């Protein structure tokens, strides 16, 4: 009985196109959805931004996936490259969306707009690159 249930769950998971271990990494199984849209955001904070404010901004960005359902995956980190080519960008936030529509919902979502307001006056530069992931 337990084996049958596990087999059924595996079949359902593959039928739905689950590609990862988390529920947010489950995509439709059609050809279009096998691609994922990456949204890469780099921050260069201005000199006046305190470490406490940076921590607040980090926490606010980390909270977005719990507020915006279209985010399929999220990770972030700070620059640790020995190459010293970051041009002052210290933070990278990396979001994954199954579709452009989900990305566009994220961009216009009230929680994202609220986060953007928190950034005002604290960034010297921001860099955003979106791309369809390829293997």
C-alpha atoms as a PDB file:
ATOM      1  CA  UNK A   1       0.000   0.000   0.000  1.00  0.00           C
ATOM      2  CA  UNK A   2       2.770   2.434   0.977  1.00  0.00           C
ATOM      3  CA  UNK A   3       4.727   1.549  -2.194  1.00  0.00           C
ATOM      4  CA  UNK A   4       1.633   2.126  -4.335  1.00  0.00           C
ATOM      5  CA  UNK A   5       1.068   5.541  -2.760  1.00  0.00           C
ATOM      6  CA  UNK A   6       4.679   6.564  -3.351  1.00  0.00           C
ATOM      7  CA  UNK A   7       4.462   5.370  -6.967  1.00  0.00           C
ATOM      8  CA  UNK A   8       1.283   7.350  -7.513  1.00  0.00           C
ATOM      9  CA  UNK A   9       2.850  10.477  -6.013  1.00  0.00           C
ATOM     10  CA  UNK A  10       5.919  10.107  -8.236  1.00  0.00           C
ATOM     11  CA  UNK A  11       3.773   9.720 -11.350  1.00  0.00           C
ATOM     12  CA  UNK A  12       1.730  12.807 -10.406  1.00  0.00           C
ATOM     13  CA  UNK A  13       4.888  14.780  -9.705  1.00  0.00           C
ATOM     14  CA  UNK A  14       6.437  13.914 -13.059  1.00  0.00           C
ATOM     15  CA  UNK A  15       3.138  14.555 -14.846  1.00  0.00           C
ATOM     16  CA  UNK A  16       3.058  18.036 -13.346  1.00  0.00           C
ATOM     17  CA  UNK A  17       6.670  18.632 -14.320  1.00  0.00           C
ATOM     18  CA  UNK A  18       8.235  18.994 -10.879  1.00  0.00           C
ATOM     19  CA  UNK A  19      11.912  19.732 -11.310  1.00  0.00           C
ATOM     20  CA  UNK A  20      13.123  20.348  -7.769  1.00  0.00           C
ATOM     21  CA  UNK A  21      12.550  19.359  -4.205  1.00  0.00           C
ATOM     22  CA  UNK A  22      10.482  22.392  -3.196  1.00  0.00           C
ATOM     23  CA  UNK A  23       6.860  23.024  -4.075  1.00  0.00           C
ATOM     24  CA  UNK A  24       7.809  26.360  -5.640  1.00  0.00           C
ATOM     25  CA  UNK A  25       9.990  24.536  -8.196  1.00  0.00           C
ATOM     26  CA  UNK A  26       7.073  22.623  -9.698  1.00  0.00           C
ATOM     27  CA  UNK A  27       6.316  23.752 -13.253  1.00  0.00           C
ATOM     28  CA  UNK A  28       3.861  22.680 -15.929  1.00  0.00           C
ATOM     29  CA  UNK A  29       5.212  19.930 -18.184  1.00  0.00           C
ATOM     30  CA  UNK A  30       4.677  21.607 -21.563  1.00  0.00           C
ATOM     31  CA  UNK A  31       7.637  22.579 -23.764  1.00  0.00           C
ATOM     32  CA  UNK A  32       7.382  26.306 -22.944  1.00  0.00           C
ATOM     33  CA  UNK A  33       7.564  25.805 -19.185  1.00  0.00           C
ATOM     34  CA  UNK A  34      10.781  23.779 -19.257  1.00  0.00           C
ATOM     35  CA  UNK A  35      12.498  27.123 -19.623  1.00  0.00           C
ATOM     36  CA  UNK A  36      12.724  29.354 -16.585  1.00  0.00           C
ATOM     37  CA  UNK A  37      13.126  33.095 -16.442  1.00  0.00           C
ATOM     38  CA  UNK A  38      15.923  34.328 -14.200  1.00  0.00           C
ATOM     39  CA  UNK A  39      15.819  37.795 -12.633  1.00  0.00           C
ATOM     40  CA  UNK A  40      19.223  38.826 -11.297  1.00  0.00           C
ATOM     41  CA  UNK A  41      19.432  41.991  -9.164  1.00  0.00           C
ATOM     42  CA  UNK A  42      22.697  43.563  -7.981  1.00  0.00           C
ATOM     43  CA  UNK A  43      22.894  46.342  -5.383  1.00  0.00           C
ATOM     44  CA  UNK A  44      25.626  48.868  -4.769  1.00  0.00           C
ATOM     45  CA  UNK A  45      24.732  50.725  -1.592  1.00  0.00           C
ATOM     46  CA  UNK A  46      25.698  54.356  -1.161  1.00  0.00           C
ATOM     47  CA  UNK A  47      28.229  55.349   1.496  1.00  0.00           C
ATOM     48  CA  UNK A  48      25.548  56.788   3.798  1.00  0.00           C
ATOM     49  CA  UNK A  49      23.633  53.515   4.105  1.00  0.00           C
ATOM     50  CA  UNK A  50      24.270  52.035   7.534  1.00  0.00           C
ATOM     51  CA  UNK A  51      24.932  48.321   8.090  1.00  0.00           C
ATOM     52  CA  UNK A  52      21.660  48.199  10.055  1.00  0.00           C
ATOM     53  CA  UNK A  53      19.740  49.574   7.059  1.00  0.00           C
ATOM     54  CA  UNK A  54      21.461  47.079   4.749  1.00  0.00           C
ATOM     55  CA  UNK A  55      20.284  44.243   7.047  1.00  0.00           C
ATOM     56  CA  UNK A  56      16.743  45.650   6.948  1.00  0.00           C
ATOM     57  CA  UNK A  57      16.825  45.740   3.135  1.00  0.00           C
ATOM     58  CA  UNK A  58      18.188  42.181   2.967  1.00  0.00           C
ATOM     59  CA  UNK A  59      15.368  40.973   5.233  1.00  0.00           C
ATOM     60  CA  UNK A  60      12.743  42.813   3.206  1.00  0.00           C
ATOM     61  CA  UNK A  61      13.984  41.285  -0.069  1.00  0.00           C
ATOM     62  CA  UNK A  62      14.099  37.809   1.505  1.00  0.00           C
ATOM     63  CA  UNK A  63      10.457  38.257   2.562  1.00  0.00           C
ATOM     64  CA  UNK A  64       9.190  38.851  -0.980  1.00  0.00           C
ATOM     65  CA  UNK A  65       8.867  35.153  -1.961  1.00  0.00           C
ATOM     66  CA  UNK A  66       6.441  34.634   0.937  1.00  0.00           C
ATOM     67  CA  UNK A  67       4.364  37.588  -0.262  1.00  0.00           C
ATOM     68  CA  UNK A  68       4.401  37.028  -4.036  1.00  0.00           C
ATOM     69  CA  UNK A  69       3.328  33.569  -5.160  1.00  0.00           C
ATOM     70  CA  UNK A  70       4.810  33.706  -8.690  1.00  0.00           C
ATOM     71  CA  UNK A  71       8.395  33.496  -7.443  1.00  0.00           C
ATOM     72  CA  UNK A  72       9.424  29.898  -8.154  1.00  0.00           C
ATOM     73  CA  UNK A  73      12.827  30.117  -6.487  1.00  0.00           C
ATOM     74  CA  UNK A  74      14.926  32.700  -4.650  1.00  0.00           C
ATOM     75  CA  UNK A  75      18.472  32.959  -3.417  1.00  0.00           C
ATOM     76  CA  UNK A  76      20.814  35.746  -2.466  1.00  0.00           C
ATOM     77  CA  UNK A  77      24.299  36.457  -1.230  1.00  0.00           C
ATOM     78  CA  UNK A  78      27.063  39.005  -0.915  1.00  0.00           C
ATOM     79  CA  UNK A  79      30.170  39.358  -3.039  1.00  0.00           C
ATOM     80  CA  UNK A  80      33.066  37.125  -2.016  1.00  0.00           C
ATOM     81  CA  UNK A  81      34.927  37.083  -5.337  1.00  0.00           C
ATOM     82  CA  UNK A  82      38.732  37.219  -5.097  1.00  0.00           C
ATOM     83  CA  UNK A  83      38.824  38.803  -8.579  1.00  0.00           C
ATOM     84  CA  UNK A  84      37.780  42.224  -7.216  1.00  0.00           C
ATOM     85  CA  UNK A  85      35.687  42.973 -10.333  1.00  0.00           C
ATOM     86  CA  UNK A  86      32.368  43.693  -8.582  1.00  0.00           C
ATOM     87  CA  UNK A  87      32.589  47.454  -9.251  1.00  0.00           C
ATOM     88  CA  UNK A  88      31.179  48.092  -5.789  1.00  0.00           C
ATOM     89  CA  UNK A  89      28.137  45.830  -6.131  1.00  0.00           C
ATOM     90  CA  UNK A  90      27.923  43.929  -2.868  1.00  0.00           C
ATOM     91  CA  UNK A  91      24.579  42.097  -2.989  1.00  0.00           C
ATOM     92  CA  UNK A  92      23.089  39.708  -5.523  1.00  0.00           C
ATOM     93  CA  UNK A  93      19.452  38.593  -5.398  1.00  0.00           C
ATOM     94  CA  UNK A  94      18.478  35.838  -7.811  1.00  0.00           C
ATOM     95  CA  UNK A  95      14.828  35.052  -8.530  1.00  0.00           C
ATOM     96  CA  UNK A  96      13.335  32.439 -10.822  1.00  0.00           C
ATOM     97  CA  UNK A  97       9.956  32.680 -12.541  1.00  0.00           C
ATOM     98  CA  UNK A  98       8.223  30.047 -14.666  1.00  0.00           C
ATOM     99  CA  UNK A  99       6.824  32.658 -17.081  1.00  0.00           C
ATOM    100  CA  UNK A 100       7.174  36.282 -18.114  1.00  0.00           C
ATOM    101  CA  UNK A 101       3.657  36.814 -16.793  1.00  0.00           C
ATOM    102  CA  UNK A 102       4.717  35.736 -13.299  1.00  0.00           C
ATOM    103  CA  UNK A 103       7.752  38.037 -13.493  1.00  0.00           C
ATOM    104  CA  UNK A 104       5.532  40.933 -14.576  1.00  0.00           C
ATOM    105  CA  UNK A 105       3.119  40.251 -11.704  1.00  0.00           C
ATOM    106  CA  UNK A 106       6.107  40.370  -9.341  1.00  0.00           C
ATOM    107  CA  UNK A 107       7.298  43.688 -10.782  1.00  0.00           C
ATOM    108  CA  UNK A 108       3.913  45.347 -10.295  1.00  0.00           C
ATOM    109  CA  UNK A 109       2.954  43.619  -7.033  1.00  0.00           C
ATOM    110  CA  UNK A 110       2.270  45.970  -4.087  1.00  0.00           C
ATOM    111  CA  UNK A 111       4.833  44.120  -1.932  1.00  0.00           C
ATOM    112  CA  UNK A 112       7.524  44.704  -4.583  1.00  0.00           C
ATOM    113  CA  UNK A 113       6.574  48.376  -4.855  1.00  0.00           C
ATOM    114  CA  UNK A 114       6.734  48.690  -1.065  1.00  0.00           C
ATOM    115  CA  UNK A 115      10.194  47.118  -1.137  1.00  0.00           C
ATOM    116  CA  UNK A 116      11.265  49.568  -3.837  1.00  0.00           C
ATOM    117  CA  UNK A 117      10.203  52.468  -1.617  1.00  0.00           C
ATOM    118  CA  UNK A 118      12.429  51.090   1.158  1.00  0.00           C
ATOM    119  CA  UNK A 119      15.430  51.335  -1.197  1.00  0.00           C
ATOM    120  CA  UNK A 120      15.018  55.046  -1.934  1.00  0.00           C
ATOM    121  CA  UNK A 121      18.109  56.993  -0.957  1.00  0.00           C
ATOM    122  CA  UNK A 122      20.163  53.889  -0.146  1.00  0.00           C
ATOM    123  CA  UNK A 123      21.434  52.682  -3.514  1.00  0.00           C
ATOM    124  CA  UNK A 124      24.233  54.212  -5.520  1.00  0.00           C
ATOM    125  CA  UNK A 125      23.495  51.782  -8.349  1.00  0.00           C
ATOM    126  CA  UNK A 126      21.287  48.852  -9.137  1.00  0.00           C
ATOM    127  CA  UNK A 127      21.741  46.402 -12.004  1.00  0.00           C
ATOM    128  CA  UNK A 128      18.986  44.075 -13.192  1.00  0.00           C
ATOM    129  CA  UNK A 129      19.363  41.367 -15.826  1.00  0.00           C
ATOM    130  CA  UNK A 130      16.558  39.028 -16.872  1.00  0.00           C
ATOM    131  CA  UNK A 131      17.243  36.031 -19.089  1.00  0.00           C
ATOM    132  CA  UNK A 132      15.774  32.700 -20.130  1.00  0.00           C
ATOM    133  CA  UNK A 133      18.021  30.030 -18.618  1.00  0.00           C
ATOM    134  CA  UNK A 134      19.686  27.750 -21.126  1.00  0.00           C
ATOM    135  CA  UNK A 135      21.681  24.577 -20.693  1.00  0.00           C
END
